[in-house]
Amino acid sequence: MVTVVLDTNVLVAALLRGGGTGRAVLRACLQGQYQPVLGPALLAEYEDVLGRSELFADSVLSTKERGEVFDGLMNRCRWVEVFYAWRPNLPDEADNHLIELAVAAQADAIVTRNLRDVARGELKFPKLRVLTPEQCLEAFPCRP
């Protein structure tokens, strides 16, 4: 099974838009086609962003429905403790935890809309792919 780190920007996009590839990746996680991983920093980021009601003012999902989707994702996630801080020196310091979680989980990919920053670290991990949702679905096809 493909192990992925689902960046917060993909989760938010999937909850805001009526469809699209972010939602397809989220659906694949919920259906057990991808194995999402989660650690303390990513969980805190998810909870912080999902708690911003103004961000979801135009969402087609109610607060309760977003909570149900989030709970479903949490039930599918494999918890991973990060014991070593790699500090890949990404342009946005707040994104370093994604690389650290991916390395600790031996993930196949980080799925993000922020390729420019997440893929630009000084410390490289050749087996770790940083992909957009579209690239993820192409690299790791799953049933609809």
N, C-alpha and C. Protein backbone atom coordinates (compact mmCIF):
# COMPACT_ATOMS: atom_id res chain seq x y z
N MET A 1 0.84 -1.18 0.00
CA MET A 1 0.00 0.00 0.00
C MET A 1 0.89 1.24 0.00
N VAL A 2 0.43 2.26 -0.67
CA VAL A 2 1.15 3.52 -0.78
C VAL A 2 0.96 4.33 0.51
N THR A 3 2.05 4.73 1.12
CA THR A 3 2.00 5.53 2.34
C THR A 3 2.23 6.99 1.99
N VAL A 4 1.31 7.85 2.45
CA VAL A 4 1.39 9.27 2.10
C VAL A 4 1.27 10.16 3.33
N VAL A 5 1.92 11.31 3.23
CA VAL A 5 1.72 12.41 4.16
C VAL A 5 0.84 13.40 3.41
N LEU A 6 -0.34 13.64 3.94
CA LEU A 6 -1.30 14.53 3.30
C LEU A 6 -1.15 15.93 3.91
N ASP A 7 -0.58 16.84 3.13
CA ASP A 7 -0.37 18.20 3.62
C ASP A 7 -1.72 18.86 3.89
N THR A 8 -1.72 19.76 4.84
CA THR A 8 -2.95 20.44 5.25
C THR A 8 -3.61 21.17 4.09
N ASN A 9 -2.82 21.73 3.18
CA ASN A 9 -3.43 22.46 2.07
C ASN A 9 -4.27 21.56 1.17
N VAL A 10 -3.91 20.29 1.06
CA VAL A 10 -4.70 19.35 0.26
C VAL A 10 -5.98 18.98 1.01
N LEU A 11 -5.88 18.76 2.30
CA LEU A 11 -7.07 18.45 3.10
C LEU A 11 -8.07 19.60 3.04
N VAL A 12 -7.59 20.82 3.22
CA VAL A 12 -8.48 21.98 3.19
C VAL A 12 -9.13 22.12 1.81
N ALA A 13 -8.35 22.00 0.75
CA ALA A 13 -8.89 22.11 -0.60
C ALA A 13 -9.97 21.05 -0.85
N ALA A 14 -9.73 19.85 -0.35
CA ALA A 14 -10.71 18.77 -0.53
C ALA A 14 -12.02 19.09 0.19
N LEU A 15 -11.93 19.77 1.31
CA LEU A 15 -13.13 20.12 2.08
C LEU A 15 -13.82 21.37 1.55
N LEU A 16 -13.10 22.21 0.84
CA LEU A 16 -13.67 23.46 0.33
C LEU A 16 -14.30 23.29 -1.05
N ARG A 17 -13.73 22.51 -1.86
CA ARG A 17 -14.19 22.39 -3.24
C ARG A 17 -15.14 21.22 -3.40
N GLY A 18 -15.93 21.28 -4.46
CA GLY A 18 -16.91 20.23 -4.70
C GLY A 18 -16.34 18.97 -5.30
N GLY A 19 -15.10 18.92 -5.59
CA GLY A 19 -14.50 17.74 -6.21
C GLY A 19 -13.02 17.96 -6.37
N GLY A 20 -12.51 17.48 -7.47
CA GLY A 20 -11.11 17.71 -7.78
C GLY A 20 -10.20 16.63 -7.25
N THR A 21 -8.94 16.80 -7.58
CA THR A 21 -7.96 15.77 -7.25
C THR A 21 -7.61 15.73 -5.77
N GLY A 22 -7.70 16.87 -5.08
CA GLY A 22 -7.48 16.84 -3.63
C GLY A 22 -8.50 15.94 -2.95
N ARG A 23 -9.74 16.07 -3.38
CA ARG A 23 -10.79 15.23 -2.82
C ARG A 23 -10.60 13.77 -3.22
N ALA A 24 -10.12 13.53 -4.44
CA ALA A 24 -9.86 12.15 -4.88
C ALA A 24 -8.79 11.49 -4.02
N VAL A 25 -7.74 12.24 -3.67
CA VAL A 25 -6.68 11.70 -2.81
C VAL A 25 -7.24 11.45 -1.41
N LEU A 26 -8.01 12.39 -0.90
CA LEU A 26 -8.63 12.21 0.42
C LEU A 26 -9.55 10.98 0.41
N ARG A 27 -10.33 10.83 -0.64
CA ARG A 27 -11.22 9.68 -0.76
C ARG A 27 -10.42 8.37 -0.77
N ALA A 28 -9.30 8.36 -1.50
CA ALA A 28 -8.45 7.17 -1.55
C ALA A 28 -7.93 6.82 -0.15
N CYS A 29 -7.61 7.85 0.64
CA CYS A 29 -7.17 7.62 2.02
C CYS A 29 -8.32 7.04 2.84
N LEU A 30 -9.50 7.61 2.70
CA LEU A 30 -10.66 7.16 3.48
C LEU A 30 -11.08 5.74 3.10
N GLN A 31 -10.86 5.37 1.85
CA GLN A 31 -11.23 4.04 1.37
C GLN A 31 -10.14 2.99 1.56
N GLY A 32 -9.03 3.40 2.15
CA GLY A 32 -7.96 2.45 2.42
C GLY A 32 -7.09 2.12 1.23
N GLN A 33 -7.14 2.94 0.19
CA GLN A 33 -6.29 2.71 -0.97
C GLN A 33 -4.91 3.32 -0.78
N TYR A 34 -4.83 4.37 0.00
CA TYR A 34 -3.58 4.96 0.43
C TYR A 34 -3.54 4.89 1.95
N GLN A 35 -2.35 4.76 2.51
CA GLN A 35 -2.18 4.77 3.95
C GLN A 35 -1.67 6.14 4.38
N PRO A 36 -2.55 6.99 4.91
CA PRO A 36 -2.07 8.28 5.39
C PRO A 36 -1.38 8.11 6.74
N VAL A 37 -0.37 8.93 6.98
CA VAL A 37 0.32 8.90 8.26
C VAL A 37 0.15 10.24 8.95
N LEU A 38 0.28 10.19 10.27
CA LEU A 38 0.03 11.38 11.08
C LEU A 38 0.97 11.38 12.26
N GLY A 39 1.45 12.56 12.60
CA GLY A 39 2.29 12.75 13.78
C GLY A 39 1.78 13.95 14.55
N PRO A 40 2.38 14.23 15.69
CA PRO A 40 1.89 15.32 16.55
C PRO A 40 1.83 16.69 15.85
N ALA A 41 2.86 17.06 15.11
CA ALA A 41 2.88 18.38 14.48
C ALA A 41 1.81 18.50 13.40
N LEU A 42 1.63 17.46 12.59
CA LEU A 42 0.62 17.52 11.54
C LEU A 42 -0.78 17.51 12.13
N LEU A 43 -1.00 16.73 13.17
CA LEU A 43 -2.31 16.73 13.84
C LEU A 43 -2.63 18.12 14.38
N ALA A 44 -1.67 18.76 15.02
CA ALA A 44 -1.89 20.11 15.56
C ALA A 44 -2.21 21.09 14.43
N GLU A 45 -1.52 20.95 13.29
CA GLU A 45 -1.78 21.83 12.16
C GLU A 45 -3.18 21.59 11.59
N TYR A 46 -3.55 20.31 11.42
CA TYR A 46 -4.91 19.99 10.94
C TYR A 46 -5.95 20.63 11.86
N GLU A 47 -5.82 20.40 13.16
CA GLU A 47 -6.82 20.91 14.10
C GLU A 47 -6.89 22.43 14.10
N ASP A 48 -5.73 23.07 14.00
CA ASP A 48 -5.70 24.54 13.97
C ASP A 48 -6.44 25.07 12.75
N VAL A 49 -6.08 24.56 11.59
CA VAL A 49 -6.67 25.07 10.35
C VAL A 49 -8.16 24.71 10.25
N LEU A 50 -8.51 23.50 10.64
CA LEU A 50 -9.93 23.11 10.56
C LEU A 50 -10.79 23.87 11.56
N GLY A 51 -10.17 24.47 12.56
CA GLY A 51 -10.91 25.26 13.54
C GLY A 51 -11.16 26.69 13.10
N ARG A 52 -10.65 27.08 11.95
CA ARG A 52 -10.82 28.45 11.45
C ARG A 52 -12.12 28.56 10.66
N SER A 53 -13.19 28.92 11.34
CA SER A 53 -14.50 28.95 10.71
C SER A 53 -14.56 29.90 9.51
N GLU A 54 -13.82 31.01 9.57
CA GLU A 54 -13.85 31.96 8.46
C GLU A 54 -13.28 31.35 7.18
N LEU A 55 -12.36 30.40 7.32
CA LEU A 55 -11.78 29.73 6.16
C LEU A 55 -12.83 28.90 5.42
N PHE A 56 -13.78 28.37 6.17
CA PHE A 56 -14.77 27.48 5.60
C PHE A 56 -16.14 28.15 5.42
N ALA A 57 -16.16 29.48 5.41
CA ALA A 57 -17.42 30.22 5.30
C ALA A 57 -18.20 29.84 4.04
N ASP A 58 -17.50 29.57 2.95
CA ASP A 58 -18.17 29.23 1.68
C ASP A 58 -18.19 27.73 1.40
N SER A 59 -17.86 26.92 2.38
CA SER A 59 -17.80 25.47 2.19
C SER A 59 -19.20 24.89 1.99
N VAL A 60 -19.27 23.88 1.14
CA VAL A 60 -20.54 23.19 0.94
C VAL A 60 -20.81 22.22 2.08
N LEU A 61 -19.79 21.94 2.89
CA LEU A 61 -19.95 21.03 4.02
C LEU A 61 -20.18 21.83 5.30
N SER A 62 -21.05 21.33 6.13
CA SER A 62 -21.28 21.96 7.43
C SER A 62 -20.11 21.64 8.36
N THR A 63 -20.05 22.33 9.48
CA THR A 63 -19.02 22.06 10.47
C THR A 63 -19.09 20.61 10.91
N LYS A 64 -20.28 20.11 11.11
CA LYS A 64 -20.46 18.70 11.54
C LYS A 64 -19.95 17.74 10.46
N GLU A 65 -20.27 18.02 9.20
CA GLU A 65 -19.83 17.15 8.11
C GLU A 65 -18.31 17.18 7.96
N ARG A 66 -17.71 18.36 8.09
CA ARG A 66 -16.25 18.44 8.03
C ARG A 66 -15.63 17.65 9.18
N GLY A 67 -16.24 17.73 10.35
CA GLY A 67 -15.77 16.96 11.49
C GLY A 67 -15.86 15.46 11.25
N GLU A 68 -16.92 15.03 10.60
CA GLU A 68 -17.09 13.61 10.30
C GLU A 68 -16.03 13.12 9.31
N VAL A 69 -15.75 13.94 8.29
CA VAL A 69 -14.70 13.58 7.33
C VAL A 69 -13.35 13.51 8.05
N PHE A 70 -13.09 14.50 8.88
CA PHE A 70 -11.83 14.53 9.63
C PHE A 70 -11.71 13.30 10.54
N ASP A 71 -12.77 12.97 11.24
CA ASP A 71 -12.76 11.78 12.10
C ASP A 71 -12.49 10.51 11.28
N GLY A 72 -13.09 10.44 10.10
CA GLY A 72 -12.85 9.29 9.23
C GLY A 72 -11.39 9.20 8.81
N LEU A 73 -10.81 10.35 8.50
CA LEU A 73 -9.39 10.37 8.13
C LEU A 73 -8.53 9.95 9.31
N MET A 74 -8.85 10.46 10.50
CA MET A 74 -8.07 10.11 11.69
C MET A 74 -8.13 8.60 11.95
N ASN A 75 -9.26 7.98 11.67
CA ASN A 75 -9.39 6.53 11.86
C ASN A 75 -8.55 5.74 10.87
N ARG A 76 -8.23 6.33 9.75
CA ARG A 76 -7.44 5.65 8.72
C ARG A 76 -5.94 5.91 8.87
N CYS A 77 -5.58 6.96 9.58
CA CYS A 77 -4.17 7.34 9.70
C CYS A 77 -3.40 6.38 10.59
N ARG A 78 -2.15 6.18 10.21
CA ARG A 78 -1.21 5.43 11.06
C ARG A 78 -0.40 6.48 11.83
N TRP A 79 -0.41 6.37 13.15
CA TRP A 79 0.31 7.31 14.00
C TRP A 79 1.79 7.00 13.94
N VAL A 80 2.59 8.04 13.74
CA VAL A 80 4.04 7.88 13.65
C VAL A 80 4.70 8.89 14.58
N GLU A 81 5.54 8.40 15.45
CA GLU A 81 6.34 9.28 16.32
C GLU A 81 7.61 9.67 15.57
N VAL A 82 7.93 10.92 15.61
CA VAL A 82 9.16 11.42 14.99
C VAL A 82 10.19 11.57 16.11
N PHE A 83 11.23 10.77 16.06
CA PHE A 83 12.24 10.78 17.10
C PHE A 83 13.51 11.53 16.70
N TYR A 84 13.60 11.91 15.44
CA TYR A 84 14.80 12.60 14.99
C TYR A 84 14.40 13.78 14.13
N ALA A 85 14.85 14.96 14.47
CA ALA A 85 14.55 16.17 13.71
C ALA A 85 15.60 16.35 12.62
N TRP A 86 15.21 16.11 11.39
CA TRP A 86 16.15 16.19 10.28
C TRP A 86 16.46 17.62 9.89
N ARG A 87 15.53 18.52 10.08
CA ARG A 87 15.68 19.93 9.70
C ARG A 87 16.20 20.05 8.26
N PRO A 88 15.36 19.78 7.29
CA PRO A 88 15.80 19.87 5.89
C PRO A 88 15.94 21.31 5.40
N ASN A 89 15.69 22.29 6.28
CA ASN A 89 15.86 23.71 5.95
C ASN A 89 15.01 24.14 4.76
N LEU A 90 13.73 23.88 4.85
CA LEU A 90 12.80 24.33 3.82
C LEU A 90 12.63 25.85 3.91
N PRO A 91 12.26 26.50 2.81
CA PRO A 91 12.05 27.95 2.84
C PRO A 91 11.05 28.38 3.93
N ASP A 92 10.04 27.57 4.15
CA ASP A 92 9.08 27.83 5.22
C ASP A 92 9.37 26.84 6.35
N GLU A 93 9.95 27.32 7.43
CA GLU A 93 10.32 26.47 8.57
C GLU A 93 9.16 25.59 9.03
N ALA A 94 7.94 26.11 8.91
CA ALA A 94 6.77 25.37 9.38
C ALA A 94 6.48 24.12 8.56
N ASP A 95 7.15 23.95 7.41
CA ASP A 95 6.93 22.76 6.59
C ASP A 95 7.93 21.64 6.88
N ASN A 96 8.97 21.91 7.66
CA ASN A 96 9.98 20.88 7.95
C ASN A 96 9.38 19.62 8.56
N HIS A 97 8.33 19.79 9.36
CA HIS A 97 7.73 18.62 10.02
C HIS A 97 7.17 17.62 9.02
N LEU A 98 6.79 18.07 7.82
CA LEU A 98 6.27 17.15 6.80
C LEU A 98 7.34 16.17 6.34
N ILE A 99 8.54 16.70 6.11
CA ILE A 99 9.67 15.85 5.69
C ILE A 99 10.03 14.89 6.82
N GLU A 100 10.10 15.41 8.03
CA GLU A 100 10.46 14.57 9.18
C GLU A 100 9.46 13.44 9.39
N LEU A 101 8.17 13.75 9.25
CA LEU A 101 7.14 12.72 9.38
C LEU A 101 7.26 11.70 8.26
N ALA A 102 7.46 12.17 7.05
CA ALA A 102 7.58 11.26 5.90
C ALA A 102 8.77 10.32 6.05
N VAL A 103 9.89 10.84 6.52
CA VAL A 103 11.08 10.00 6.71
C VAL A 103 10.83 8.99 7.83
N ALA A 104 10.27 9.43 8.93
CA ALA A 104 10.01 8.52 10.06
C ALA A 104 9.02 7.43 9.66
N ALA A 105 8.06 7.76 8.82
CA ALA A 105 7.04 6.79 8.40
C ALA A 105 7.48 5.96 7.21
N GLN A 106 8.63 6.28 6.64
CA GLN A 106 9.09 5.66 5.40
C GLN A 106 8.01 5.80 4.32
N ALA A 107 7.44 7.00 4.24
CA ALA A 107 6.36 7.28 3.29
C ALA A 107 6.87 7.27 1.86
N ASP A 108 5.96 6.96 0.97
CA ASP A 108 6.28 6.99 -0.45
C ASP A 108 6.25 8.42 -1.00
N ALA A 109 5.35 9.24 -0.41
CA ALA A 109 5.20 10.59 -0.95
C ALA A 109 4.58 11.54 0.06
N ILE A 110 4.89 12.80 -0.13
CA ILE A 110 4.18 13.90 0.52
C ILE A 110 3.28 14.47 -0.57
N VAL A 111 1.99 14.57 -0.29
CA VAL A 111 1.05 15.11 -1.26
C VAL A 111 0.73 16.53 -0.81
N THR A 112 1.07 17.50 -1.68
CA THR A 112 0.95 18.91 -1.32
C THR A 112 0.68 19.75 -2.55
N ARG A 113 0.14 20.93 -2.32
CA ARG A 113 -0.01 21.93 -3.37
C ARG A 113 1.19 22.90 -3.33
N ASN A 114 2.08 22.69 -2.40
CA ASN A 114 3.20 23.60 -2.17
C ASN A 114 4.52 22.95 -2.60
N LEU A 115 4.58 22.49 -3.84
CA LEU A 115 5.79 21.83 -4.33
C LEU A 115 7.01 22.73 -4.24
N ARG A 116 6.80 23.97 -4.53
CA ARG A 116 7.92 24.91 -4.60
C ARG A 116 8.70 24.96 -3.29
N ASP A 117 8.01 25.00 -2.18
CA ASP A 117 8.70 25.08 -0.89
C ASP A 117 9.09 23.71 -0.35
N VAL A 118 8.18 22.74 -0.41
CA VAL A 118 8.42 21.44 0.23
C VAL A 118 9.53 20.65 -0.47
N ALA A 119 9.69 20.83 -1.74
CA ALA A 119 10.71 20.08 -2.48
C ALA A 119 12.07 20.77 -2.50
N ARG A 120 12.19 21.94 -1.87
CA ARG A 120 13.41 22.73 -1.99
C ARG A 120 14.34 22.64 -0.79
N GLY A 121 14.22 21.66 0.02
CA GLY A 121 15.09 21.55 1.18
C GLY A 121 16.53 21.27 0.81
N GLU A 122 17.43 21.65 1.70
CA GLU A 122 18.86 21.40 1.49
C GLU A 122 19.19 19.92 1.67
N LEU A 123 18.47 19.26 2.56
CA LEU A 123 18.68 17.85 2.84
C LEU A 123 17.72 17.05 1.96
N LYS A 124 18.26 16.17 1.13
CA LYS A 124 17.46 15.42 0.16
C LYS A 124 17.30 13.97 0.60
N PHE A 125 16.12 13.42 0.33
CA PHE A 125 15.82 12.02 0.58
C PHE A 125 15.37 11.43 -0.75
N PRO A 126 16.28 10.77 -1.46
CA PRO A 126 16.01 10.34 -2.84
C PRO A 126 14.76 9.47 -3.05
N LYS A 127 14.38 8.69 -2.06
CA LYS A 127 13.23 7.81 -2.23
C LYS A 127 11.90 8.50 -1.90
N LEU A 128 11.96 9.68 -1.32
CA LEU A 128 10.75 10.40 -0.95
C LEU A 128 10.33 11.32 -2.09
N ARG A 129 9.10 11.14 -2.52
CA ARG A 129 8.57 11.97 -3.61
C ARG A 129 7.68 13.06 -3.01
N VAL A 130 7.75 14.22 -3.59
CA VAL A 130 6.87 15.33 -3.23
C VAL A 130 6.00 15.58 -4.45
N LEU A 131 4.69 15.33 -4.31
CA LEU A 131 3.78 15.32 -5.45
C LEU A 131 2.56 16.19 -5.21
N THR A 132 2.02 16.74 -6.29
CA THR A 132 0.71 17.37 -6.22
C THR A 132 -0.34 16.26 -6.16
N PRO A 133 -1.57 16.57 -5.81
CA PRO A 133 -2.60 15.52 -5.85
C PRO A 133 -2.71 14.87 -7.24
N GLU A 134 -2.60 15.68 -8.29
CA GLU A 134 -2.68 15.13 -9.65
C GLU A 134 -1.55 14.15 -9.91
N GLN A 135 -0.33 14.53 -9.53
CA GLN A 135 0.82 13.66 -9.72
C GLN A 135 0.71 12.39 -8.88
N CYS A 136 0.16 12.52 -7.68
CA CYS A 136 -0.03 11.35 -6.81
C CYS A 136 -0.97 10.34 -7.45
N LEU A 137 -2.09 10.83 -7.96
CA LEU A 137 -3.07 9.94 -8.59
C LEU A 137 -2.51 9.29 -9.85
N GLU A 138 -1.63 10.00 -10.53
CA GLU A 138 -1.00 9.45 -11.73
C GLU A 138 0.07 8.42 -11.34
N ALA A 139 0.88 8.74 -10.35
CA ALA A 139 1.97 7.83 -9.94
C ALA A 139 1.45 6.60 -9.23
N PHE A 140 0.37 6.78 -8.46
CA PHE A 140 -0.20 5.69 -7.65
C PHE A 140 -1.70 5.58 -7.95
N PRO A 141 -2.04 5.05 -9.14
CA PRO A 141 -3.46 5.00 -9.51
C PRO A 141 -4.29 4.18 -8.51
N CYS A 142 -5.51 4.62 -8.33
CA CYS A 142 -6.42 3.90 -7.46
C CYS A 142 -7.78 3.85 -8.14
N ARG A 143 -8.60 2.95 -7.68
CA ARG A 143 -9.91 2.81 -8.31
C ARG A 143 -10.79 4.00 -7.89
N PRO A 144 -11.69 4.40 -8.78
CA PRO A 144 -12.56 5.55 -8.50
C PRO A 144 -13.54 5.30 -7.37
